[in-house]
Amino acid sequence: MEKPQLIKDGKRLDGRDFDELRPIRITAGVIKNATGSAYLEWGNNKVLAAVYGPKEVFPKHFADPEKAIVKCRYAMAPFSSLEEHGRAGPNRRATEISKVTREVFENVIMLEQFPSTEIDIFIEILQSDGGTRAAGITAASVALANSGIPIRDMPYAVAAGKIGDQLVIDVNKIEDNYSDADVPVAISPNLGRILLLQMDGNLTKDEFSRLLGMVEKAGTKVMAAQRQAIMEMYKQ
């Protein structure tokens, strides 16, 4: 299949500038029987995140007497995508994203306050259009803040990329499929740490540095949406 032209007349196919995010809307506290939850719409992505715990570890032999353990399940609903990874049941991609997402939150949850317990994070992709791991982390971060579980920071994530010679922010599905580089990044803004950095493709050192700067700039808008969701919940 011939690679489609992703940039026309200085704009991306959906009309966005290179550093422009798709619209983001987040609602906290959407699942009443969860400890914390959030629903996120990011462009055409629709994501539901829920947090349960701290609770008893099962199986018990996995318990850590010094801190809580984190379990994370990222999954795509069978109807979320026409592609193979949208089928029912676990697959390698979902397992990998679950693992890296768990590691993000292990770095910000105050696990030492809840020894011999577990905290479960569920991320369900209801509709997929590129950058779903970034959207999932962003939603789960709000769900954690909603839960009241002590955290050191509220991380955000952005899926960046490269199309030809042009660096872009917040890649959608067609850009993800045909871009020259795909770089999902999760950042802990208050701690000043990168919690997730993956790259599929090639970037020069200068491109990589500039792309991180674009992610951090875009992150201010993602953080604003996260905080707005928490504020709206308390207003209600």
Protein backbone atom coordinates (compact mmCIF):
# COMPACT_ATOMS: atom_id res chain seq x y z
CA MET A 1 0.00 0.00 0.00
CA GLU A 2 1.36 3.42 -0.95
CA LYS A 3 2.15 5.68 1.98
CA PRO A 4 -0.44 8.49 2.19
CA GLN A 5 0.50 12.16 2.19
CA LEU A 6 0.09 13.21 5.82
CA ILE A 7 0.88 16.92 5.41
CA LYS A 8 -0.85 19.12 2.84
CA ASP A 9 -0.42 22.89 2.44
CA GLY A 10 1.50 23.12 5.72
CA LYS A 11 -1.23 21.40 7.74
CA ARG A 12 -1.92 17.87 8.93
CA LEU A 13 -4.81 15.95 7.34
CA ASP A 14 -7.19 16.87 10.18
CA GLY A 15 -6.31 20.57 9.82
CA ARG A 16 -4.12 20.82 12.91
CA ASP A 17 -0.83 22.66 13.20
CA PHE A 18 2.23 20.52 13.92
CA ASP A 19 2.24 21.39 17.63
CA GLU A 20 -1.54 21.36 18.10
CA LEU A 21 -3.38 18.91 20.36
CA ARG A 22 -6.73 17.40 19.53
CA PRO A 23 -9.54 18.59 21.86
CA ILE A 24 -9.38 17.03 25.35
CA ARG A 25 -12.26 16.60 27.78
CA ILE A 26 -12.00 14.70 31.08
CA THR A 27 -14.66 13.89 33.66
CA ALA A 28 -13.72 12.50 37.10
CA GLY A 29 -15.77 10.26 39.35
CA VAL A 30 -17.85 8.53 36.67
CA ILE A 31 -17.93 5.03 38.27
CA LYS A 32 -19.50 5.20 41.70
CA ASN A 33 -18.36 1.79 42.99
CA ALA A 34 -14.71 2.44 42.08
CA THR A 35 -12.27 4.08 44.51
CA GLY A 36 -11.53 6.57 41.75
CA SER A 37 -12.43 6.88 38.08
CA ALA A 38 -12.27 9.10 35.01
CA TYR A 39 -13.66 9.28 31.49
CA LEU A 40 -11.55 10.95 28.80
CA GLU A 41 -12.26 12.05 25.25
CA TRP A 42 -9.13 13.05 23.35
CA GLY A 43 -9.91 13.66 19.72
CA ASN A 44 -11.68 10.47 18.66
CA ASN A 45 -10.20 8.46 21.53
CA LYS A 46 -12.64 7.53 24.29
CA VAL A 47 -11.13 6.08 27.46
CA LEU A 48 -12.49 4.86 30.78
CA ALA A 49 -10.14 4.48 33.76
CA ALA A 50 -10.90 3.06 37.22
CA VAL A 51 -8.87 2.55 40.39
CA TYR A 52 -9.68 0.06 43.18
CA GLY A 53 -7.88 -0.26 46.51
CA PRO A 54 -5.82 -0.38 48.53
CA LYS A 55 -7.21 -3.86 49.18
CA GLU A 56 -6.13 -7.35 50.14
CA VAL A 57 -3.59 -8.90 47.79
CA PHE A 58 -4.69 -11.90 45.77
CA PRO A 59 -2.96 -14.33 45.57
CA LYS A 60 -1.62 -13.54 49.05
CA HIS A 61 1.94 -14.69 48.34
CA PHE A 62 2.39 -11.66 46.02
CA ALA A 63 2.01 -9.26 48.97
CA ASP A 64 4.95 -7.00 49.88
CA PRO A 65 5.18 -6.35 53.66
CA GLU A 66 6.92 -3.01 53.00
CA LYS A 67 4.62 -1.44 50.39
CA ALA A 68 1.57 -1.84 48.20
CA ILE A 69 1.85 -3.52 44.83
CA VAL A 70 0.31 -2.02 41.69
CA LYS A 71 -1.57 -4.03 39.12
CA CYS A 72 -2.55 -2.46 35.81
CA ARG A 73 -4.77 -3.75 33.02
CA TYR A 74 -4.90 -1.86 29.73
CA ALA A 75 -7.42 -3.27 27.28
CA MET A 76 -9.12 -2.28 24.06
CA ALA A 77 -12.82 -3.03 23.79
CA PRO A 78 -13.52 -5.41 20.89
CA PHE A 79 -15.54 -2.68 19.18
CA SER A 80 -12.94 0.06 19.68
CA SER A 81 -10.98 -0.58 16.50
CA LEU A 82 -11.25 -2.50 13.25
CA GLU A 83 -7.65 -3.59 13.63
CA GLU A 84 -6.46 -6.86 15.12
CA HIS A 85 -5.48 -5.43 18.50
CA GLY A 86 -9.10 -4.41 19.05
CA ARG A 87 -10.19 -8.05 19.31
CA ALA A 88 -11.47 -9.52 22.58
CA GLY A 89 -8.99 -10.93 25.08
CA PRO A 90 -5.38 -10.12 26.01
CA ASN A 91 -2.58 -9.79 23.44
CA ARG A 92 1.10 -8.87 23.45
CA ARG A 93 0.48 -5.18 22.78
CA ALA A 94 -1.99 -4.84 25.66
CA THR A 95 0.34 -6.76 27.98
CA GLU A 96 3.27 -4.46 27.10
CA ILE A 97 1.22 -1.27 27.59
CA SER A 98 -0.14 -2.59 30.89
CA LYS A 99 3.44 -3.16 32.09
CA VAL A 100 4.83 0.27 31.16
CA THR A 101 1.72 2.00 32.54
CA ARG A 102 2.09 0.16 35.84
CA GLU A 103 5.70 1.36 36.05
CA VAL A 104 4.58 4.96 35.50
CA PHE A 105 2.28 4.86 38.52
CA GLU A 106 4.65 2.87 40.73
CA ASN A 107 6.83 5.99 40.61
CA VAL A 108 4.15 8.40 41.87
CA ILE A 109 1.87 6.46 44.26
CA MET A 110 3.00 6.55 47.90
CA LEU A 111 3.10 2.77 48.08
CA GLU A 112 4.96 2.67 51.39
CA GLN A 113 1.85 3.94 53.16
CA PHE A 114 -0.10 0.77 52.33
CA PRO A 115 2.07 -2.31 53.04
CA SER A 116 0.72 -5.78 52.17
CA THR A 117 -2.03 -4.39 49.90
CA GLU A 118 -2.64 -3.98 46.19
CA ILE A 119 -3.91 -1.09 44.07
CA ASP A 120 -5.60 -2.03 40.80
CA ILE A 121 -5.71 0.30 37.79
CA PHE A 122 -8.00 -0.53 34.87
CA ILE A 123 -7.85 1.31 31.53
CA GLU A 124 -10.45 0.47 28.91
CA ILE A 125 -10.17 1.95 25.42
CA LEU A 126 -13.74 2.34 24.20
CA GLN A 127 -12.79 4.03 20.92
CA SER A 128 -9.32 4.19 19.41
CA ASP A 129 -7.71 6.77 17.13
CA GLY A 130 -3.99 6.77 17.89
CA GLY A 131 -2.05 7.68 21.05
CA THR A 132 -4.17 5.42 23.25
CA ARG A 133 -1.42 4.60 25.75
CA ALA A 134 -0.89 8.33 26.34
CA ALA A 135 -4.63 8.87 26.66
CA GLY A 136 -4.89 5.92 29.05
CA ILE A 137 -2.12 7.20 31.33
CA THR A 138 -3.63 10.69 31.34
CA ALA A 139 -7.07 9.32 32.27
CA ALA A 140 -5.72 6.92 34.91
CA SER A 141 -3.81 9.79 36.50
CA VAL A 142 -7.09 11.65 37.03
CA ALA A 143 -8.74 8.47 38.35
CA LEU A 144 -5.93 8.13 40.91
CA ALA A 145 -6.31 11.74 42.00
CA ASN A 146 -10.06 11.14 42.29
CA SER A 147 -9.45 8.05 44.46
CA GLY A 148 -7.78 9.97 47.27
CA ILE A 149 -4.83 7.54 47.28
CA PRO A 150 -1.76 9.66 48.15
CA ILE A 151 0.35 10.44 45.08
CA ARG A 152 3.50 12.49 44.68
CA ASP A 153 2.39 13.91 41.35
CA MET A 154 -0.27 13.66 38.65
CA PRO A 155 1.52 12.51 35.47
CA TYR A 156 0.38 13.26 31.94
CA ALA A 157 1.32 11.65 28.64
CA VAL A 158 1.51 12.79 25.02
CA ALA A 159 2.15 10.78 21.85
CA ALA A 160 4.62 12.71 19.69
CA GLY A 161 6.03 11.79 16.32
CA LYS A 162 7.82 12.69 13.11
CA ILE A 163 6.30 12.95 9.65
CA GLY A 164 8.97 13.31 7.01
CA ASP A 165 11.17 16.11 8.35
CA GLN A 166 8.41 17.59 10.51
CA LEU A 167 8.01 16.96 14.25
CA VAL A 168 4.40 16.70 15.39
CA ILE A 169 2.45 16.40 18.64
CA ASP A 170 -0.49 14.12 19.47
CA VAL A 171 -0.44 11.70 16.55
CA ASN A 172 -3.75 10.23 15.41
CA LYS A 173 -4.18 6.72 14.01
CA ILE A 174 -3.22 7.36 10.38
CA GLU A 175 -0.18 9.39 11.53
CA ASP A 176 0.74 6.63 13.97
CA ASN A 177 0.54 4.02 11.21
CA TYR A 178 2.55 5.92 8.59
CA SER A 179 4.80 8.32 10.54
CA ASP A 180 8.59 8.08 10.47
CA ALA A 181 8.80 8.05 14.27
CA ASP A 182 6.29 7.46 17.08
CA VAL A 183 7.34 8.66 20.55
CA PRO A 184 4.91 8.27 23.48
CA VAL A 185 6.14 10.20 26.53
CA ALA A 186 4.81 10.35 30.11
CA ILE A 187 6.06 13.09 32.41
CA SER A 188 5.81 13.80 36.12
CA PRO A 189 5.70 17.62 36.00
CA ASN A 190 6.29 18.41 39.67
CA LEU A 191 9.01 15.79 40.08
CA GLY A 192 10.59 16.83 36.76
CA ARG A 193 10.97 13.21 35.63
CA ILE A 194 10.24 11.30 32.46
CA LEU A 195 8.29 8.21 33.55
CA LEU A 196 7.74 6.67 30.10
CA LEU A 197 9.73 7.10 26.91
CA GLN A 198 9.35 4.75 23.98
CA MET A 199 10.36 5.26 20.37
CA ASP A 200 9.49 3.49 17.16
CA GLY A 201 11.57 5.02 14.36
CA ASN A 202 14.62 7.27 14.24
CA LEU A 203 15.35 10.80 15.47
CA THR A 204 18.55 12.82 15.60
CA LYS A 205 19.67 14.16 18.98
CA ASP A 206 18.50 17.64 18.00
CA GLU A 207 15.10 16.34 16.86
CA PHE A 208 14.71 14.36 20.06
CA SER A 209 15.51 17.41 22.20
CA ARG A 210 13.08 19.60 20.26
CA LEU A 211 10.37 16.95 20.42
CA LEU A 212 10.65 16.73 24.22
CA GLY A 213 10.28 20.49 24.39
CA MET A 214 7.12 20.27 22.29
CA VAL A 215 5.75 17.54 24.57
CA GLU A 216 6.33 19.66 27.67
CA LYS A 217 4.67 22.67 26.05
CA ALA A 218 1.66 20.60 25.01
CA GLY A 219 1.63 19.07 28.47
CA THR A 220 0.53 22.36 30.02
CA LYS A 221 -2.81 21.99 28.19
CA VAL A 222 -3.15 18.32 29.17
CA MET A 223 -2.47 19.19 32.82
CA ALA A 224 -5.04 21.97 32.66
CA ALA A 225 -7.67 19.47 31.48
CA GLN A 226 -6.72 17.06 34.27
CA ARG A 227 -6.98 19.71 36.97
CA GLN A 228 -10.23 21.05 35.55
CA ALA A 229 -11.73 17.56 35.83
CA ILE A 230 -10.78 17.34 39.52
CA MET A 231 -12.06 20.85 40.23
CA GLU A 232 -15.41 20.17 38.52
CA MET A 233 -15.87 17.01 40.56
CA TYR A 234 -15.45 18.88 43.85
CA LYS A 235 -17.81 21.63 42.69
CA GLN A 236 -20.51 19.02 42.23
